[in-house]
Amino acid sequence: MLWAYGDWHSARPRTVEGWALPVHDGAAVKLFDSPDAAEGEGYVIAGADWLGADGARMGDDLVPGCLRAAAGKAHVQLGVVDVHGGDLAEGPRVVFVRCLD
């Protein structure tokens, strides 16, 4: 994965799998360890690419289809890059969402 903000950088995202529940109109998700878990961790997904269950990149919709269509939590995988230093805000940034179901 490459991105530029003044200089070119590269990073390999780590993957996090779980069950996501959209919040803030789909700009973020709460990610849970299981479909029955009550506590989850929040991730901003706005601007991230998203992939279908087959791994193919999907359309330009802001909210992944599996999150729009889910009646509850959707099984997903997130690609996360940890940003440190520089002019960008530090912390985890989601670069892709893959719908697993």
PDB file of N, CA and C in Angstrom:
ATOM      1  N   MET A   1       0.852  -1.157   0.000  1.00  0.00           N
ATOM      2  CA  MET A   1       0.000   0.000   0.000  1.00  0.00           C
ATOM      3  C   MET A   1       0.902   1.226   0.000  1.00  0.00           C
ATOM      4  N   LEU A   2       0.678   2.168  -0.901  1.00  0.00           N
ATOM      5  CA  LEU A   2       1.473   3.392  -0.986  1.00  0.00           C
ATOM      6  C   LEU A   2       0.574   4.593  -0.774  1.00  0.00           C
ATOM      7  N   TRP A   3       1.104   5.624  -0.144  1.00  0.00           N
ATOM      8  CA  TRP A   3       0.380   6.876  -0.032  1.00  0.00           C
ATOM      9  C   TRP A   3       1.387   8.010   0.034  1.00  0.00           C
ATOM     10  N   ALA A   4       0.925   9.208  -0.234  1.00  0.00           N
ATOM     11  CA  ALA A   4       1.822  10.356  -0.234  1.00  0.00           C
ATOM     12  C   ALA A   4       1.230  11.471   0.600  1.00  0.00           C
ATOM     13  N   TYR A   5       2.045  12.074   1.384  1.00  0.00           N
ATOM     14  CA  TYR A   5       1.685  13.286   2.106  1.00  0.00           C
ATOM     15  C   TYR A   5       2.990  14.045   2.268  1.00  0.00           C
ATOM     16  N   GLY A   6       3.399  14.714   1.215  1.00  0.00           N
ATOM     17  CA  GLY A   6       4.695  15.363   1.201  1.00  0.00           C
ATOM     18  C   GLY A   6       5.763  14.439   0.629  1.00  0.00           C
ATOM     19  N   ASP A   7       5.885  13.246   1.155  1.00  0.00           N
ATOM     20  CA  ASP A   7       6.835  12.238   0.693  1.00  0.00           C
ATOM     21  C   ASP A   7       6.063  10.938   0.469  1.00  0.00           C
ATOM     22  N   TRP A   8       6.647  10.042  -0.338  1.00  0.00           N
ATOM     23  CA  TRP A   8       6.029   8.734  -0.546  1.00  0.00           C
ATOM     24  C   TRP A   8       6.367   7.818   0.620  1.00  0.00           C
ATOM     25  N   HIS A   9       5.404   7.027   1.015  1.00  0.00           N
ATOM     26  CA  HIS A   9       5.593   6.063   2.088  1.00  0.00           C
ATOM     27  C   HIS A   9       4.961   4.745   1.656  1.00  0.00           C
ATOM     28  N   SER A  10       5.395   3.671   2.265  1.00  0.00           N
ATOM     29  CA  SER A  10       4.754   2.396   1.998  1.00  0.00           C
ATOM     30  C   SER A  10       4.553   1.676   3.320  1.00  0.00           C
ATOM     31  N   ALA A  11       3.513   0.865   3.363  1.00  0.00           N
ATOM     32  CA  ALA A  11       3.215   0.092   4.571  1.00  0.00           C
ATOM     33  C   ALA A  11       2.400  -1.121   4.170  1.00  0.00           C
ATOM     34  N   ARG A  12       2.560  -2.178   4.916  1.00  0.00           N
ATOM     35  CA  ARG A  12       1.750  -3.369   4.718  1.00  0.00           C
ATOM     36  C   ARG A  12       0.717  -3.379   5.836  1.00  0.00           C
ATOM     37  N   PRO A  13      -0.572  -3.319   5.474  1.00  0.00           N
ATOM     38  CA  PRO A  13      -1.583  -3.291   6.529  1.00  0.00           C
ATOM     39  C   PRO A  13      -1.661  -4.618   7.275  1.00  0.00           C
ATOM     40  N   ARG A  14      -1.910  -4.533   8.564  1.00  0.00           N
ATOM     41  CA  ARG A  14      -2.227  -5.729   9.344  1.00  0.00           C
ATOM     42  C   ARG A  14      -3.724  -5.951   9.202  1.00  0.00           C
ATOM     43  N   THR A  15      -4.151  -7.174   9.269  1.00  0.00           N
ATOM     44  CA  THR A  15      -5.576  -7.454   9.115  1.00  0.00           C
ATOM     45  C   THR A  15      -6.194  -7.784  10.465  1.00  0.00           C
ATOM     46  N   VAL A  16      -7.410  -7.299  10.638  1.00  0.00           N
ATOM     47  CA  VAL A  16      -8.194  -7.521  11.838  1.00  0.00           C
ATOM     48  C   VAL A  16      -9.540  -8.058  11.371  1.00  0.00           C
ATOM     49  N   GLU A  17      -9.953  -9.197  11.907  1.00  0.00           N
ATOM     50  CA  GLU A  17     -11.219  -9.801  11.495  1.00  0.00           C
ATOM     51  C   GLU A  17     -12.199  -9.773  12.660  1.00  0.00           C
ATOM     52  N   GLY A  18     -13.456  -9.559  12.337  1.00  0.00           N
ATOM     53  CA  GLY A  18     -14.481  -9.563  13.367  1.00  0.00           C
ATOM     54  C   GLY A  18     -15.848  -9.275  12.780  1.00  0.00           C
ATOM     55  N   TRP A  19     -16.756  -8.884  13.644  1.00  0.00           N
ATOM     56  CA  TRP A  19     -18.136  -8.579  13.250  1.00  0.00           C
ATOM     57  C   TRP A  19     -18.354  -7.098  13.474  1.00  0.00           C
ATOM     58  N   ALA A  20     -18.685  -6.382  12.393  1.00  0.00           N
ATOM     59  CA  ALA A  20     -18.778  -4.923  12.419  1.00  0.00           C
ATOM     60  C   ALA A  20     -20.219  -4.457  12.450  1.00  0.00           C
ATOM     61  N   LEU A  21     -20.414  -3.395  13.208  1.00  0.00           N
ATOM     62  CA  LEU A  21     -21.697  -2.718  13.290  1.00  0.00           C
ATOM     63  C   LEU A  21     -21.441  -1.271  12.897  1.00  0.00           C
ATOM     64  N   PRO A  22     -22.090  -0.774  11.812  1.00  0.00           N
ATOM     65  CA  PRO A  22     -21.827   0.600  11.372  1.00  0.00           C
ATOM     66  C   PRO A  22     -22.346   1.625  12.382  1.00  0.00           C
ATOM     67  N   VAL A  23     -21.610   2.717  12.521  1.00  0.00           N
ATOM     68  CA  VAL A  23     -22.007   3.860  13.335  1.00  0.00           C
ATOM     69  C   VAL A  23     -21.701   5.128  12.553  1.00  0.00           C
ATOM     70  N   HIS A  24     -22.243   6.245  12.974  1.00  0.00           N
ATOM     71  CA  HIS A  24     -22.001   7.541  12.323  1.00  0.00           C
ATOM     72  C   HIS A  24     -22.285   7.475  10.825  1.00  0.00           C
ATOM     73  N   ASP A  25     -23.466   6.987  10.462  1.00  0.00           N
ATOM     74  CA  ASP A  25     -23.880   6.889   9.051  1.00  0.00           C
ATOM     75  C   ASP A  25     -22.921   6.057   8.209  1.00  0.00           C
ATOM     76  N   GLY A  26     -22.253   5.088   8.819  1.00  0.00           N
ATOM     77  CA  GLY A  26     -21.363   4.196   8.085  1.00  0.00           C
ATOM     78  C   GLY A  26     -19.951   4.708   7.927  1.00  0.00           C
ATOM     79  N   ALA A  27     -19.626   5.874   8.471  1.00  0.00           N
ATOM     80  CA  ALA A  27     -18.270   6.412   8.377  1.00  0.00           C
ATOM     81  C   ALA A  27     -17.324   5.701   9.336  1.00  0.00           C
ATOM     82  N   ALA A  28     -17.884   4.957  10.285  1.00  0.00           N
ATOM     83  CA  ALA A  28     -17.087   4.234  11.271  1.00  0.00           C
ATOM     84  C   ALA A  28     -17.811   2.935  11.609  1.00  0.00           C
ATOM     85  N   VAL A  29     -17.078   2.023  12.236  1.00  0.00           N
ATOM     86  CA  VAL A  29     -17.673   0.762  12.689  1.00  0.00           C
ATOM     87  C   VAL A  29     -17.186   0.471  14.105  1.00  0.00           C
ATOM     88  N   LYS A  30     -17.991  -0.282  14.818  1.00  0.00           N
ATOM     89  CA  LYS A  30     -17.550  -0.937  16.048  1.00  0.00           C
ATOM     90  C   LYS A  30     -17.261  -2.363  15.632  1.00  0.00           C
ATOM     91  N   LEU A  31     -16.074  -2.865  15.950  1.00  0.00           N
ATOM     92  CA  LEU A  31     -15.665  -4.214  15.563  1.00  0.00           C
ATOM     93  C   LEU A  31     -15.663  -5.098  16.804  1.00  0.00           C
ATOM     94  N   PHE A  32     -16.378  -6.225  16.715  1.00  0.00           N
ATOM     95  CA  PHE A  32     -16.552  -7.151  17.819  1.00  0.00           C
ATOM     96  C   PHE A  32     -15.853  -8.466  17.505  1.00  0.00           C
ATOM     97  N   ASP A  33     -15.393  -9.172  18.553  1.00  0.00           N
ATOM     98  CA  ASP A  33     -14.714 -10.455  18.375  1.00  0.00           C
ATOM     99  C   ASP A  33     -15.647 -11.560  17.896  1.00  0.00           C
ATOM    100  N   SER A  34     -16.930 -11.451  18.210  1.00  0.00           N
ATOM    101  CA  SER A  34     -17.904 -12.467  17.814  1.00  0.00           C
ATOM    102  C   SER A  34     -19.241 -11.776  17.573  1.00  0.00           C
ATOM    103  N   PRO A  35     -20.156 -12.458  16.898  1.00  0.00           N
ATOM    104  CA  PRO A  35     -21.452 -11.832  16.637  1.00  0.00           C
ATOM    105  C   PRO A  35     -22.247 -11.575  17.915  1.00  0.00           C
ATOM    106  N   ASP A  36     -21.914 -12.267  18.999  1.00  0.00           N
ATOM    107  CA  ASP A  36     -22.645 -12.109  20.253  1.00  0.00           C
ATOM    108  C   ASP A  36     -21.945 -11.194  21.252  1.00  0.00           C
ATOM    109  N   ALA A  37     -20.748 -10.705  20.942  1.00  0.00           N
ATOM    110  CA  ALA A  37     -19.985  -9.874  21.881  1.00  0.00           C
ATOM    111  C   ALA A  37     -20.693  -8.548  22.124  1.00  0.00           C
ATOM    112  N   ALA A  38     -20.568  -8.040  23.348  1.00  0.00           N
ATOM    113  CA  ALA A  38     -21.205  -6.776  23.716  1.00  0.00           C
ATOM    114  C   ALA A  38     -20.234  -5.601  23.652  1.00  0.00           C
ATOM    115  N   GLU A  39     -18.932  -5.854  23.753  1.00  0.00           N
ATOM    116  CA  GLU A  39     -17.922  -4.794  23.729  1.00  0.00           C
ATOM    117  C   GLU A  39     -17.107  -4.881  22.446  1.00  0.00           C
ATOM    118  N   GLY A  40     -16.878  -3.725  21.822  1.00  0.00           N
ATOM    119  CA  GLY A  40     -16.093  -3.703  20.596  1.00  0.00           C
ATOM    120  C   GLY A  40     -15.195  -2.493  20.541  1.00  0.00           C
ATOM    121  N   GLU A  41     -14.328  -2.463  19.538  1.00  0.00           N
ATOM    122  CA  GLU A  41     -13.392  -1.362  19.339  1.00  0.00           C
ATOM    123  C   GLU A  41     -13.811  -0.563  18.118  1.00  0.00           C
ATOM    124  N   GLY A  42     -13.712   0.759  18.190  1.00  0.00           N
ATOM    125  CA  GLY A  42     -14.128   1.615  17.087  1.00  0.00           C
ATOM    126  C   GLY A  42     -13.033   1.858  16.069  1.00  0.00           C
ATOM    127  N   TYR A  43     -13.431   1.897  14.790  1.00  0.00           N
ATOM    128  CA  TYR A  43     -12.522   2.208  13.689  1.00  0.00           C
ATOM    129  C   TYR A  43     -13.229   3.140  12.723  1.00  0.00           C
ATOM    130  N   VAL A  44     -12.541   4.172  12.263  1.00  0.00           N
ATOM    131  CA  VAL A  44     -13.051   5.033  11.206  1.00  0.00           C
ATOM    132  C   VAL A  44     -12.751   4.339   9.885  1.00  0.00           C
ATOM    133  N   ILE A  45     -13.771   4.157   9.039  1.00  0.00           N
ATOM    134  CA  ILE A  45     -13.568   3.499   7.752  1.00  0.00           C
ATOM    135  C   ILE A  45     -13.799   4.442   6.581  1.00  0.00           C
ATOM    136  N   ALA A  46     -14.149   5.698   6.857  1.00  0.00           N
ATOM    137  CA  ALA A  46     -14.388   6.673   5.790  1.00  0.00           C
ATOM    138  C   ALA A  46     -13.160   6.768   4.899  1.00  0.00           C
ATOM    139  N   GLY A  47     -13.356   6.655   3.599  1.00  0.00           N
ATOM    140  CA  GLY A  47     -12.268   6.754   2.639  1.00  0.00           C
ATOM    141  C   GLY A  47     -11.542   5.459   2.342  1.00  0.00           C
ATOM    142  N   ALA A  48     -11.843   4.395   3.080  1.00  0.00           N
ATOM    143  CA  ALA A  48     -11.178   3.114   2.843  1.00  0.00           C
ATOM    144  C   ALA A  48     -11.767   2.426   1.615  1.00  0.00           C
ATOM    145  N   ASP A  49     -10.928   1.693   0.877  1.00  0.00           N
ATOM    146  CA  ASP A  49     -11.433   0.841  -0.199  1.00  0.00           C
ATOM    147  C   ASP A  49     -12.218  -0.293   0.433  1.00  0.00           C
ATOM    148  N   TRP A  50     -13.168  -0.850  -0.310  1.00  0.00           N
ATOM    149  CA  TRP A  50     -13.833  -2.037   0.214  1.00  0.00           C
ATOM    150  C   TRP A  50     -13.956  -3.093  -0.852  1.00  0.00           C
ATOM    151  N   LEU A  51     -13.908  -4.333  -0.369  1.00  0.00           N
ATOM    152  CA  LEU A  51     -13.858  -5.500  -1.232  1.00  0.00           C
ATOM    153  C   LEU A  51     -15.025  -6.414  -0.918  1.00  0.00           C
ATOM    154  N   GLY A  52     -15.519  -7.082  -1.943  1.00  0.00           N
ATOM    155  CA  GLY A  52     -16.568  -8.068  -1.742  1.00  0.00           C
ATOM    156  C   GLY A  52     -15.998  -9.356  -1.173  1.00  0.00           C
ATOM    157  N   ALA A  53     -16.875 -10.312  -0.875  1.00  0.00           N
ATOM    158  CA  ALA A  53     -16.440 -11.597  -0.303  1.00  0.00           C
ATOM    159  C   ALA A  53     -15.467 -12.324  -1.229  1.00  0.00           C
ATOM    160  N   ASP A  54     -15.550 -12.052  -2.542  1.00  0.00           N
ATOM    161  CA  ASP A  54     -14.648 -12.690  -3.509  1.00  0.00           C
ATOM    162  C   ASP A  54     -13.312 -11.958  -3.641  1.00  0.00           C
ATOM    163  N   GLY A  55     -13.126 -10.862  -2.892  1.00  0.00           N
ATOM    164  CA  GLY A  55     -11.883 -10.096  -2.935  1.00  0.00           C
ATOM    165  C   GLY A  55     -11.844  -9.031  -4.007  1.00  0.00           C
ATOM    166  N   ALA A  56     -12.904  -8.940  -4.839  1.00  0.00           N
ATOM    167  CA  ALA A  56     -12.939  -7.939  -5.907  1.00  0.00           C
ATOM    168  C   ALA A  56     -13.295  -6.568  -5.330  1.00  0.00           C
ATOM    169  N   ARG A  57     -12.600  -5.519  -5.827  1.00  0.00           N
ATOM    170  CA  ARG A  57     -12.895  -4.162  -5.376  1.00  0.00           C
ATOM    171  C   ARG A  57     -14.301  -3.796  -5.831  1.00  0.00           C
ATOM    172  N   MET A  58     -15.046  -3.216  -4.920  1.00  0.00           N
ATOM    173  CA  MET A  58     -16.427  -2.871  -5.214  1.00  0.00           C
ATOM    174  C   MET A  58     -16.516  -1.405  -5.608  1.00  0.00           C
ATOM    175  N   GLY A  59     -17.717  -0.929  -5.831  1.00  0.00           N
ATOM    176  CA  GLY A  59     -17.964   0.419  -6.331  1.00  0.00           C
ATOM    177  C   GLY A  59     -17.466   1.532  -5.432  1.00  0.00           C
ATOM    178  N   ASP A  60     -17.821   2.737  -5.788  1.00  0.00           N
ATOM    179  CA  ASP A  60     -17.366   3.919  -5.074  1.00  0.00           C
ATOM    180  C   ASP A  60     -18.297   4.319  -3.932  1.00  0.00           C
ATOM    181  N   ASP A  61     -19.223   3.441  -3.559  1.00  0.00           N
ATOM    182  CA  ASP A  61     -20.098   3.748  -2.437  1.00  0.00           C
ATOM    183  C   ASP A  61     -19.257   3.977  -1.192  1.00  0.00           C
ATOM    184  N   LEU A  62     -19.687   4.916  -0.362  1.00  0.00           N
ATOM    185  CA  LEU A  62     -18.932   5.229   0.847  1.00  0.00           C
ATOM    186  C   LEU A  62     -19.048   4.143   1.905  1.00  0.00           C
ATOM    187  N   VAL A  63     -20.180   3.437   1.947  1.00  0.00           N
ATOM    188  CA  VAL A  63     -20.410   2.406   2.952  1.00  0.00           C
ATOM    189  C   VAL A  63     -20.382   1.045   2.265  1.00  0.00           C
ATOM    190  N   PRO A  64     -19.550   0.116   2.735  1.00  0.00           N
ATOM    191  CA  PRO A  64     -19.515  -1.219   2.134  1.00  0.00           C
ATOM    192  C   PRO A  64     -20.897  -1.865   2.113  1.00  0.00           C
ATOM    193  N   GLY A  65     -21.177  -2.570   1.035  1.00  0.00           N
ATOM    194  CA  GLY A  65     -22.489  -3.182   0.839  1.00  0.00           C
ATOM    195  C   GLY A  65     -22.899  -4.101   1.965  1.00  0.00           C
ATOM    196  N   CYS A  66     -21.962  -4.870   2.518  1.00  0.00           N
ATOM    197  CA  CYS A  66     -22.320  -5.794   3.586  1.00  0.00           C
ATOM    198  C   CYS A  66     -22.754  -5.047   4.843  1.00  0.00           C
ATOM    199  N   LEU A  67     -22.246  -3.838   5.052  1.00  0.00           N
ATOM    200  CA  LEU A  67     -22.659  -3.049   6.212  1.00  0.00           C
ATOM    201  C   LEU A  67     -24.004  -2.382   5.976  1.00  0.00           C
ATOM    202  N   ARG A  68     -24.290  -2.002   4.735  1.00  0.00           N
ATOM    203  CA  ARG A  68     -25.596  -1.414   4.411  1.00  0.00           C
ATOM    204  C   ARG A  68     -26.694  -2.457   4.511  1.00  0.00           C
ATOM    205  N   ALA A  69     -26.387  -3.677   4.064  1.00  0.00           N
ATOM    206  CA  ALA A  69     -27.407  -4.723   3.965  1.00  0.00           C
ATOM    207  C   ALA A  69     -27.603  -5.503   5.267  1.00  0.00           C
ATOM    208  N   ALA A  70     -26.651  -5.405   6.186  1.00  0.00           N
ATOM    209  CA  ALA A  70     -26.720  -6.223   7.403  1.00  0.00           C
ATOM    210  C   ALA A  70     -27.850  -5.773   8.320  1.00  0.00           C
ATOM    211  N   ALA A  71     -28.578  -6.748   8.836  1.00  0.00           N
ATOM    212  CA  ALA A  71     -29.622  -6.451   9.817  1.00  0.00           C
ATOM    213  C   ALA A  71     -28.997  -6.270  11.196  1.00  0.00           C
ATOM    214  N   GLY A  72     -27.764  -6.723  11.360  1.00  0.00           N
ATOM    215  CA  GLY A  72     -27.035  -6.602  12.618  1.00  0.00           C
ATOM    216  C   GLY A  72     -25.570  -6.423  12.310  1.00  0.00           C
ATOM    217  N   LYS A  73     -24.750  -7.260  12.869  1.00  0.00           N
ATOM    218  CA  LYS A  73     -23.311  -7.200  12.649  1.00  0.00           C
ATOM    219  C   LYS A  73     -22.940  -7.986  11.390  1.00  0.00           C
ATOM    220  N   ALA A  74     -21.998  -7.434  10.622  1.00  0.00           N
ATOM    221  CA  ALA A  74     -21.524  -8.077   9.395  1.00  0.00           C
ATOM    222  C   ALA A  74     -20.106  -8.599   9.615  1.00  0.00           C
ATOM    223  N   HIS A  75     -19.815  -9.801   9.107  1.00  0.00           N
ATOM    224  CA  HIS A  75     -18.495 -10.410   9.228  1.00  0.00           C
ATOM    225  C   HIS A  75     -17.551  -9.724   8.235  1.00  0.00           C
ATOM    226  N   VAL A  76     -16.494  -9.098   8.744  1.00  0.00           N
ATOM    227  CA  VAL A  76     -15.588  -8.322   7.903  1.00  0.00           C
ATOM    228  C   VAL A  76     -14.133  -8.555   8.302  1.00  0.00           C
ATOM    229  N   GLN A  77     -13.263  -8.103   7.424  1.00  0.00           N
ATOM    230  CA  GLN A  77     -11.832  -8.034   7.695  1.00  0.00           C
ATOM    231  C   GLN A  77     -11.419  -6.594   7.394  1.00  0.00           C
ATOM    232  N   LEU A  78     -10.663  -5.984   8.297  1.00  0.00           N
ATOM    233  CA  LEU A  78     -10.166  -4.625   8.095  1.00  0.00           C
ATOM    234  C   LEU A  78      -8.661  -4.678   7.863  1.00  0.00           C
ATOM    235  N   GLY A  79      -8.187  -3.878   6.925  1.00  0.00           N
ATOM    236  CA  GLY A  79      -6.754  -3.679   6.734  1.00  0.00           C
ATOM    237  C   GLY A  79      -6.376  -2.397   7.444  1.00  0.00           C
ATOM    238  N   VAL A  80      -5.503  -2.476   8.437  1.00  0.00           N
ATOM    239  CA  VAL A  80      -5.180  -1.340   9.296  1.00  0.00           C
ATOM    240  C   VAL A  80      -3.693  -1.008   9.199  1.00  0.00           C
ATOM    241  N   VAL A  81      -3.401   0.271   9.003  1.00  0.00           N
ATOM    242  CA  VAL A  81      -2.034   0.785   9.008  1.00  0.00           C
ATOM    243  C   VAL A  81      -1.902   1.701  10.217  1.00  0.00           C
ATOM    244  N   ASP A  82      -0.859   1.501  11.008  1.00  0.00           N
ATOM    245  CA  ASP A  82      -0.597   2.368  12.155  1.00  0.00           C
ATOM    246  C   ASP A  82       0.271   3.533  11.706  1.00  0.00           C
ATOM    247  N   VAL A  83      -0.218   4.755  11.893  1.00  0.00           N
ATOM    248  CA  VAL A  83       0.476   5.973  11.476  1.00  0.00           C
ATOM    249  C   VAL A  83       1.209   6.548  12.690  1.00  0.00           C
ATOM    250  N   HIS A  84       2.497   6.836  12.507  1.00  0.00           N
ATOM    251  CA  HIS A  84       3.310   7.396  13.582  1.00  0.00           C
ATOM    252  C   HIS A  84       4.081   8.600  13.067  1.00  0.00           C
ATOM    253  N   GLY A  85       4.043   9.689  13.797  1.00  0.00           N
ATOM    254  CA  GLY A  85       4.832  10.872  13.467  1.00  0.00           C
ATOM    255  C   GLY A  85       4.354  11.580  12.219  1.00  0.00           C
ATOM    256  N   GLY A  86       5.096  12.549  11.794  1.00  0.00           N
ATOM    257  CA  GLY A  86       4.747  13.318  10.606  1.00  0.00           C
ATOM    258  C   GLY A  86       3.623  14.296  10.893  1.00  0.00           C
ATOM    259  N   ASP A  87       3.037  14.821   9.834  1.00  0.00           N
ATOM    260  CA  ASP A  87       1.979  15.817   9.966  1.00  0.00           C
ATOM    261  C   ASP A  87       0.596  15.211  10.148  1.00  0.00           C
ATOM    262  N   LEU A  88       0.452  13.909   9.907  1.00  0.00           N
ATOM    263  CA  LEU A  88      -0.844  13.264  10.039  1.00  0.00           C
ATOM    264  C   LEU A  88      -1.113  12.917  11.499  1.00  0.00           C
ATOM    265  N   ALA A  89      -2.381  12.846  11.838  1.00  0.00           N
ATOM    266  CA  ALA A  89      -2.740  12.399  13.179  1.00  0.00           C
ATOM    267  C   ALA A  89      -2.273  10.955  13.355  1.00  0.00           C
ATOM    268  N   GLU A  90      -1.733  10.659  14.510  1.00  0.00           N
ATOM    269  CA  GLU A  90      -1.220   9.318  14.768  1.00  0.00           C
ATOM    270  C   GLU A  90      -2.345   8.359  15.111  1.00  0.00           C
ATOM    271  N   GLY A  91      -2.079   7.078  14.915  1.00  0.00           N
ATOM    272  CA  GLY A  91      -3.028   6.046  15.293  1.00  0.00           C
ATOM    273  C   GLY A  91      -3.377   5.144  14.131  1.00  0.00           C
ATOM    274  N   PRO A  92      -4.276   4.194  14.366  1.00  0.00           N
ATOM    275  CA  PRO A  92      -4.658   3.241  13.316  1.00  0.00           C
ATOM    276  C   PRO A  92      -5.535   3.896  12.251  1.00  0.00           C
ATOM    277  N   ARG A  93      -5.271   3.561  10.995  1.00  0.00           N
ATOM    278  CA  ARG A  93      -6.074   4.044   9.866  1.00  0.00           C
ATOM    279  C   ARG A  93      -6.511   2.841   9.045  1.00  0.00           C
ATOM    280  N   VAL A  94      -7.797   2.706   8.810  1.00  0.00           N
ATOM    281  CA  VAL A  94      -8.314   1.599   8.007  1.00  0.00           C
ATOM    282  C   VAL A  94      -8.142   1.954   6.536  1.00  0.00           C
ATOM    283  N   VAL A  95      -7.473   1.068   5.788  1.00  0.00           N
ATOM    284  CA  VAL A  95      -7.234   1.307   4.367  1.00  0.00           C
ATOM    285  C   VAL A  95      -8.113   0.439   3.475  1.00  0.00           C
ATOM    286  N   PHE A  96      -8.635  -0.677   4.030  1.00  0.00           N
ATOM    287  CA  PHE A  96      -9.615  -1.436   3.270  1.00  0.00           C
ATOM    288  C   PHE A  96     -10.545  -2.194   4.219  1.00  0.00           C
ATOM    289  N   VAL A  97     -11.740  -2.428   3.715  1.00  0.00           N
ATOM    290  CA  VAL A  97     -12.752  -3.255   4.390  1.00  0.00           C
ATOM    291  C   VAL A  97     -13.094  -4.380   3.430  1.00  0.00           C
ATOM    292  N   ARG A  98     -12.995  -5.606   3.887  1.00  0.00           N
ATOM    293  CA  ARG A  98     -13.380  -6.767   3.065  1.00  0.00           C
ATOM    294  C   ARG A  98     -14.597  -7.428   3.720  1.00  0.00           C
ATOM    295  N   CYS A  99     -15.676  -7.525   2.938  1.00  0.00           N
ATOM    296  CA  CYS A  99     -16.880  -8.202   3.396  1.00  0.00           C
ATOM    297  C   CYS A  99     -16.628  -9.709   3.274  1.00  0.00           C
ATOM    298  N   LEU A 100     -16.816 -10.456   4.370  1.00  0.00           N
ATOM    299  CA  LEU A 100     -16.524 -11.881   4.350  1.00  0.00           C
ATOM    300  C   LEU A 100     -17.749 -12.738   4.129  1.00  0.00           C
ATOM    301  N   ASP A 101     -18.926 -12.216   4.275  1.00  0.00           N
ATOM    302  CA  ASP A 101     -20.161 -12.984   4.026  1.00  0.00           C
ATOM    303  C   ASP A 101     -20.905 -12.420   2.852  1.00  0.00           C
TER     304      ASP A 101
END
